[in-house]
Amino acid sequence: MQQHLTPWMIESAYRYLTAAKHLRRGHDMLDTAQINAALGMEILLKSFVSKPNGNLGQANETYELDNNAIKAAHEHLKAAERIPAYRKDRPPSKHDLLTLFYAIPEPIRQRVRLDRHEHWIERYRDVFTNARYRYENSAPKGYDDILIGVLDELIDDVVDWYREQKCQDLFIVCHGLTPADFQPKPGKEPEPS
């Protein structure tokens, strides 16, 4: 499936999701929450078409985006008439969530259950670029938290898949654990140190 895992990108997407969840509860902050969720989704999708290019195996590992996969996805969407007319003659957008979605190989999209969210990914494909500046005339006039829920679900699915790949990154290993998970089970003695 995926040749290189990119756990730091998954953790980064999770951090933007967490910020979005906090902002969603704030007074008049739903627009900012949605933008954070869109950025988290962008990073999550890019994680599948990126490969490590520096500080390999370290906590600060860096990644490089596969531009050929992005271009191929853009051409596919253009042929299917799913690229907006104003962008057809422009280079592929690395922020377009639908382009990033199609840059991911189909078996991976199916395995991590991305494919069941294609509708939402397409609907919110341009939130990060079009909604950041709500004072602009072209900015959307309404916001919602659907993308937050989709990203939340996907991160859990992706972490599960990374665990199946035997990823030992600390974020991946500990994601979703609670303090109770670290307590000895009743009837079992703790192992001596």
C-alpha atoms as a PDB file:
ATOM      1  CA  MET A   1       0.000   0.000   0.000  1.00  0.00           C
ATOM      2  CA  GLN A   2       1.742   3.194   1.180  1.00  0.00           C
ATOM      3  CA  GLN A   3       5.496   2.961   0.948  1.00  0.00           C
ATOM      4  CA  HIS A   4       6.255   5.545   3.643  1.00  0.00           C
ATOM      5  CA  LEU A   5       4.310   6.364   6.783  1.00  0.00           C
ATOM      6  CA  THR A   6       4.130  10.003   7.857  1.00  0.00           C
ATOM      7  CA  PRO A   7       3.026   9.942  11.507  1.00  0.00           C
ATOM      8  CA  TRP A   8       4.043  13.501  12.307  1.00  0.00           C
ATOM      9  CA  MET A   9       1.592  14.709   9.654  1.00  0.00           C
ATOM     10  CA  ILE A  10      -1.177  12.645  11.279  1.00  0.00           C
ATOM     11  CA  GLU A  11      -0.348  14.219  14.634  1.00  0.00           C
ATOM     12  CA  SER A  12      -0.357  17.669  13.046  1.00  0.00           C
ATOM     13  CA  ALA A  13      -3.795  17.044  11.496  1.00  0.00           C
ATOM     14  CA  TYR A  14      -5.008  15.905  14.927  1.00  0.00           C
ATOM     15  CA  ARG A  15      -3.755  19.142  16.513  1.00  0.00           C
ATOM     16  CA  TYR A  16      -5.718  21.252  14.029  1.00  0.00           C
ATOM     17  CA  LEU A  17      -8.756  19.074  14.720  1.00  0.00           C
ATOM     18  CA  THR A  18      -8.349  19.642  18.452  1.00  0.00           C
ATOM     19  CA  ALA A  19      -8.111  23.406  17.887  1.00  0.00           C
ATOM     20  CA  ALA A  20     -11.238  23.254  15.716  1.00  0.00           C
ATOM     21  CA  LYS A  21     -13.157  21.436  18.454  1.00  0.00           C
ATOM     22  CA  HIS A  22     -12.190  24.101  21.010  1.00  0.00           C
ATOM     23  CA  LEU A  23     -12.994  26.960  18.638  1.00  0.00           C
ATOM     24  CA  ARG A  24     -16.361  25.424  17.764  1.00  0.00           C
ATOM     25  CA  ARG A  25     -17.446  26.037  21.353  1.00  0.00           C
ATOM     26  CA  GLY A  26     -16.309  29.674  21.352  1.00  0.00           C
ATOM     27  CA  HIS A  27     -18.563  32.642  20.774  1.00  0.00           C
ATOM     28  CA  ASP A  28     -18.801  33.352  17.041  1.00  0.00           C
ATOM     29  CA  MET A  29     -15.784  31.138  16.204  1.00  0.00           C
ATOM     30  CA  LEU A  30     -17.387  28.472  13.999  1.00  0.00           C
ATOM     31  CA  ASP A  31     -15.811  29.968  10.869  1.00  0.00           C
ATOM     32  CA  THR A  32     -12.345  29.744  12.410  1.00  0.00           C
ATOM     33  CA  ALA A  33     -13.092  26.220  13.647  1.00  0.00           C
ATOM     34  CA  GLN A  34     -14.121  25.139  10.138  1.00  0.00           C
ATOM     35  CA  ILE A  35     -10.942  26.614   8.636  1.00  0.00           C
ATOM     36  CA  ASN A  36      -8.811  24.742  11.191  1.00  0.00           C
ATOM     37  CA  ALA A  37     -10.646  21.522  10.328  1.00  0.00           C
ATOM     38  CA  ALA A  38     -10.029  22.181   6.611  1.00  0.00           C
ATOM     39  CA  LEU A  39      -6.324  22.678   7.271  1.00  0.00           C
ATOM     40  CA  GLY A  40      -6.238  19.482   9.349  1.00  0.00           C
ATOM     41  CA  MET A  41      -8.000  17.613   6.532  1.00  0.00           C
ATOM     42  CA  GLU A  42      -5.517  18.994   4.006  1.00  0.00           C
ATOM     43  CA  ILE A  43      -2.583  17.768   6.090  1.00  0.00           C
ATOM     44  CA  LEU A  44      -4.223  14.364   6.628  1.00  0.00           C
ATOM     45  CA  LEU A  45      -4.810  13.911   2.883  1.00  0.00           C
ATOM     46  CA  LYS A  46      -1.312  15.130   2.027  1.00  0.00           C
ATOM     47  CA  SER A  47       0.115  12.577   4.457  1.00  0.00           C
ATOM     48  CA  PHE A  48      -0.799   9.818   1.989  1.00  0.00           C
ATOM     49  CA  VAL A  49       1.057  11.432  -0.917  1.00  0.00           C
ATOM     50  CA  SER A  50       4.157  12.527   0.964  1.00  0.00           C
ATOM     51  CA  LYS A  51       7.403  10.814   1.793  1.00  0.00           C
ATOM     52  CA  PRO A  52      10.071  11.528   4.379  1.00  0.00           C
ATOM     53  CA  ASN A  53      12.905  13.705   3.079  1.00  0.00           C
ATOM     54  CA  GLY A  54      14.827  14.713   6.181  1.00  0.00           C
ATOM     55  CA  ASN A  55      15.537  13.806   9.819  1.00  0.00           C
ATOM     56  CA  LEU A  56      14.439  10.247   9.090  1.00  0.00           C
ATOM     57  CA  GLY A  57      13.078   8.371  12.086  1.00  0.00           C
ATOM     58  CA  GLN A  58      13.304  11.407  14.357  1.00  0.00           C
ATOM     59  CA  ALA A  59      10.502  13.335  16.024  1.00  0.00           C
ATOM     60  CA  ASN A  60      11.101  16.247  13.646  1.00  0.00           C
ATOM     61  CA  GLU A  61      11.060  14.172  10.451  1.00  0.00           C
ATOM     62  CA  THR A  62      10.189  16.270   7.382  1.00  0.00           C
ATOM     63  CA  TYR A  63       8.172  15.299   4.322  1.00  0.00           C
ATOM     64  CA  GLU A  64       7.962  16.082   0.636  1.00  0.00           C
ATOM     65  CA  LEU A  65       4.721  16.117  -1.360  1.00  0.00           C
ATOM     66  CA  ASP A  66       4.483  13.923  -4.471  1.00  0.00           C
ATOM     67  CA  ASN A  67       3.738  16.636  -7.046  1.00  0.00           C
ATOM     68  CA  ASN A  68       3.265  14.064  -9.828  1.00  0.00           C
ATOM     69  CA  ALA A  69       0.397  12.446  -7.910  1.00  0.00           C
ATOM     70  CA  ILE A  70      -1.202  15.889  -7.429  1.00  0.00           C
ATOM     71  CA  LYS A  71      -0.870  16.684 -11.149  1.00  0.00           C
ATOM     72  CA  ALA A  72      -2.333  13.311 -12.147  1.00  0.00           C
ATOM     73  CA  ALA A  73      -5.300  13.813  -9.798  1.00  0.00           C
ATOM     74  CA  HIS A  74      -5.883  17.304 -11.204  1.00  0.00           C
ATOM     75  CA  GLU A  75      -5.880  15.954 -14.772  1.00  0.00           C
ATOM     76  CA  HIS A  76      -8.271  13.160 -13.771  1.00  0.00           C
ATOM     77  CA  LEU A  77     -10.682  15.666 -12.215  1.00  0.00           C
ATOM     78  CA  LYS A  78     -10.340  17.996 -15.180  1.00  0.00           C
ATOM     79  CA  ALA A  79     -11.255  15.159 -17.580  1.00  0.00           C
ATOM     80  CA  ALA A  80     -14.238  14.323 -15.361  1.00  0.00           C
ATOM     81  CA  GLU A  81     -15.241  18.022 -15.397  1.00  0.00           C
ATOM     82  CA  ARG A  82     -14.898  18.290 -11.627  1.00  0.00           C
ATOM     83  CA  ILE A  83     -12.456  21.216 -11.620  1.00  0.00           C
ATOM     84  CA  PRO A  84     -14.071  24.670 -11.450  1.00  0.00           C
ATOM     85  CA  ALA A  85     -13.846  26.539 -14.763  1.00  0.00           C
ATOM     86  CA  TYR A  86     -11.718  29.349 -13.324  1.00  0.00           C
ATOM     87  CA  ARG A  87      -9.029  26.808 -12.284  1.00  0.00           C
ATOM     88  CA  LYS A  88      -8.918  24.574 -15.379  1.00  0.00           C
ATOM     89  CA  ASP A  89      -5.961  26.379 -16.962  1.00  0.00           C
ATOM     90  CA  ARG A  90      -4.087  26.913 -13.709  1.00  0.00           C
ATOM     91  CA  PRO A  91      -1.613  24.565 -12.046  1.00  0.00           C
ATOM     92  CA  PRO A  92      -3.148  22.074  -9.598  1.00  0.00           C
ATOM     93  CA  SER A  93      -4.049  23.537  -6.233  1.00  0.00           C
ATOM     94  CA  LYS A  94      -2.221  21.842  -3.373  1.00  0.00           C
ATOM     95  CA  HIS A  95      -5.005  23.091  -1.078  1.00  0.00           C
ATOM     96  CA  ASP A  96      -7.909  21.560  -3.049  1.00  0.00           C
ATOM     97  CA  LEU A  97      -9.140  18.724  -0.849  1.00  0.00           C
ATOM     98  CA  LEU A  98     -10.732  16.840  -3.740  1.00  0.00           C
ATOM     99  CA  THR A  99      -7.508  16.917  -5.765  1.00  0.00           C
ATOM    100  CA  LEU A 100      -5.610  15.642  -2.728  1.00  0.00           C
ATOM    101  CA  PHE A 101      -8.247  12.936  -2.228  1.00  0.00           C
ATOM    102  CA  TYR A 102      -7.776  11.679  -5.797  1.00  0.00           C
ATOM    103  CA  ALA A 103      -3.980  11.804  -5.474  1.00  0.00           C
ATOM    104  CA  ILE A 104      -4.257   9.024  -2.877  1.00  0.00           C
ATOM    105  CA  PRO A 105      -4.233   5.514  -4.392  1.00  0.00           C
ATOM    106  CA  GLU A 106      -7.737   4.030  -4.389  1.00  0.00           C
ATOM    107  CA  PRO A 107      -6.854   0.944  -2.270  1.00  0.00           C
ATOM    108  CA  ILE A 108      -5.644   3.238   0.518  1.00  0.00           C
ATOM    109  CA  ARG A 109      -8.718   5.485   0.214  1.00  0.00           C
ATOM    110  CA  GLN A 110     -10.882   2.397   0.647  1.00  0.00           C
ATOM    111  CA  ARG A 111      -8.818   0.861   3.452  1.00  0.00           C
ATOM    112  CA  VAL A 112      -8.880   3.959   5.663  1.00  0.00           C
ATOM    113  CA  ARG A 113     -12.507   4.620   4.720  1.00  0.00           C
ATOM    114  CA  LEU A 114     -11.812   7.954   3.020  1.00  0.00           C
ATOM    115  CA  ASP A 115     -14.006   6.949   0.090  1.00  0.00           C
ATOM    116  CA  ARG A 116     -17.192   7.178   2.165  1.00  0.00           C
ATOM    117  CA  HIS A 117     -16.481  10.887   2.804  1.00  0.00           C
ATOM    118  CA  GLU A 118     -15.850  11.934  -0.801  1.00  0.00           C
ATOM    119  CA  HIS A 119     -19.068  13.986  -0.877  1.00  0.00           C
ATOM    120  CA  TRP A 120     -17.993  16.076   2.121  1.00  0.00           C
ATOM    121  CA  ILE A 121     -14.422  16.399   0.887  1.00  0.00           C
ATOM    122  CA  GLU A 122     -15.758  17.746  -2.407  1.00  0.00           C
ATOM    123  CA  ARG A 123     -18.245  20.055  -0.718  1.00  0.00           C
ATOM    124  CA  TYR A 124     -15.541  21.590   1.491  1.00  0.00           C
ATOM    125  CA  ARG A 125     -12.700  21.304  -1.028  1.00  0.00           C
ATOM    126  CA  ASP A 126     -11.923  25.045  -1.020  1.00  0.00           C
ATOM    127  CA  VAL A 127     -12.753  26.092   2.544  1.00  0.00           C
ATOM    128  CA  PHE A 128      -9.139  26.787   3.475  1.00  0.00           C
ATOM    129  CA  THR A 129      -8.501  29.046   0.482  1.00  0.00           C
ATOM    130  CA  ASN A 130     -11.931  30.660   0.136  1.00  0.00           C
ATOM    131  CA  ALA A 131     -13.074  31.138   3.719  1.00  0.00           C
ATOM    132  CA  ARG A 132      -9.917  32.316   5.510  1.00  0.00           C
ATOM    133  CA  TYR A 133     -10.755  35.967   4.965  1.00  0.00           C
ATOM    134  CA  ARG A 134     -14.415  36.271   5.808  1.00  0.00           C
ATOM    135  CA  TYR A 135     -14.375  39.994   5.100  1.00  0.00           C
ATOM    136  CA  GLU A 136     -13.771  39.329   1.392  1.00  0.00           C
ATOM    137  CA  ASN A 137     -16.743  39.558  -0.958  1.00  0.00           C
ATOM    138  CA  SER A 138     -16.303  35.990  -2.226  1.00  0.00           C
ATOM    139  CA  ALA A 139     -16.094  34.428   1.249  1.00  0.00           C
ATOM    140  CA  PRO A 140     -18.887  32.039   2.256  1.00  0.00           C
ATOM    141  CA  LYS A 141     -21.636  33.599   4.326  1.00  0.00           C
ATOM    142  CA  GLY A 142     -22.272  30.552   6.501  1.00  0.00           C
ATOM    143  CA  TYR A 143     -20.263  27.908   8.337  1.00  0.00           C
ATOM    144  CA  ASP A 144     -20.882  24.536   9.963  1.00  0.00           C
ATOM    145  CA  ASP A 145     -19.011  21.829  11.856  1.00  0.00           C
ATOM    146  CA  ILE A 146     -19.486  18.883   9.460  1.00  0.00           C
ATOM    147  CA  LEU A 147     -15.824  18.843   8.415  1.00  0.00           C
ATOM    148  CA  ILE A 148     -14.807  18.666  12.079  1.00  0.00           C
ATOM    149  CA  GLY A 149     -16.809  15.455  12.523  1.00  0.00           C
ATOM    150  CA  VAL A 150     -15.479  13.946   9.297  1.00  0.00           C
ATOM    151  CA  LEU A 151     -11.866  14.709  10.232  1.00  0.00           C
ATOM    152  CA  ASP A 152     -12.370  13.322  13.735  1.00  0.00           C
ATOM    153  CA  GLU A 153     -13.629  10.031  12.322  1.00  0.00           C
ATOM    154  CA  LEU A 154     -10.890   9.807   9.698  1.00  0.00           C
ATOM    155  CA  ILE A 155      -8.046  10.408  12.117  1.00  0.00           C
ATOM    156  CA  ASP A 156      -9.211   7.455  14.207  1.00  0.00           C
ATOM    157  CA  ASP A 157      -9.411   5.271  11.080  1.00  0.00           C
ATOM    158  CA  VAL A 158      -5.955   6.362   9.907  1.00  0.00           C
ATOM    159  CA  VAL A 159      -4.408   5.765  13.343  1.00  0.00           C
ATOM    160  CA  ASP A 160      -5.906   2.262  13.356  1.00  0.00           C
ATOM    161  CA  TRP A 161      -4.343   1.610   9.940  1.00  0.00           C
ATOM    162  CA  TYR A 162      -0.953   2.956  11.091  1.00  0.00           C
ATOM    163  CA  ARG A 163      -1.108   0.581  14.058  1.00  0.00           C
ATOM    164  CA  GLU A 164      -1.766  -2.295  11.648  1.00  0.00           C
ATOM    165  CA  GLN A 165       1.381  -1.196   9.787  1.00  0.00           C
ATOM    166  CA  LYS A 166       3.261  -1.607  13.106  1.00  0.00           C
ATOM    167  CA  CYS A 167       4.039   2.118  13.344  1.00  0.00           C
ATOM    168  CA  GLN A 168       5.762   2.775  16.672  1.00  0.00           C
ATOM    169  CA  ASP A 169       5.432   6.567  16.640  1.00  0.00           C
ATOM    170  CA  LEU A 170       4.461   7.748  20.137  1.00  0.00           C
ATOM    171  CA  PHE A 171       1.407   9.686  18.935  1.00  0.00           C
ATOM    172  CA  ILE A 172       0.118   6.697  16.979  1.00  0.00           C
ATOM    173  CA  VAL A 173       0.724   4.254  19.840  1.00  0.00           C
ATOM    174  CA  CYS A 174      -0.915   6.475  22.487  1.00  0.00           C
ATOM    175  CA  HIS A 175      -3.755   8.042  20.473  1.00  0.00           C
ATOM    176  CA  GLY A 176      -7.094   7.457  22.154  1.00  0.00           C
ATOM    177  CA  LEU A 177      -5.650   5.915  25.306  1.00  0.00           C
ATOM    178  CA  THR A 178      -6.919   7.096  28.682  1.00  0.00           C
ATOM    179  CA  PRO A 179      -5.195   6.999  32.087  1.00  0.00           C
ATOM    180  CA  ALA A 180      -7.227   3.865  32.852  1.00  0.00           C
ATOM    181  CA  ASP A 181      -5.420   2.097  30.000  1.00  0.00           C
ATOM    182  CA  PHE A 182      -2.193   2.416  31.978  1.00  0.00           C
ATOM    183  CA  GLN A 183      -3.585   0.950  35.209  1.00  0.00           C
ATOM    184  CA  PRO A 184      -2.918  -2.713  36.072  1.00  0.00           C
ATOM    185  CA  LYS A 185      -5.853  -4.980  35.329  1.00  0.00           C
ATOM    186  CA  PRO A 186      -7.686  -6.327  38.410  1.00  0.00           C
ATOM    187  CA  GLY A 187      -6.221  -9.591  39.617  1.00  0.00           C
ATOM    188  CA  LYS A 188      -2.893  -9.003  37.899  1.00  0.00           C
ATOM    189  CA  GLU A 189       0.186  -7.931  39.731  1.00  0.00           C
ATOM    190  CA  PRO A 190       2.220  -5.165  38.128  1.00  0.00           C
ATOM    191  CA  GLU A 191       5.428  -6.402  36.513  1.00  0.00           C
ATOM    192  CA  PRO A 192       8.558  -5.590  38.545  1.00  0.00           C
ATOM    193  CA  SER A 193      10.697  -2.840  37.050  1.00  0.00           C
END
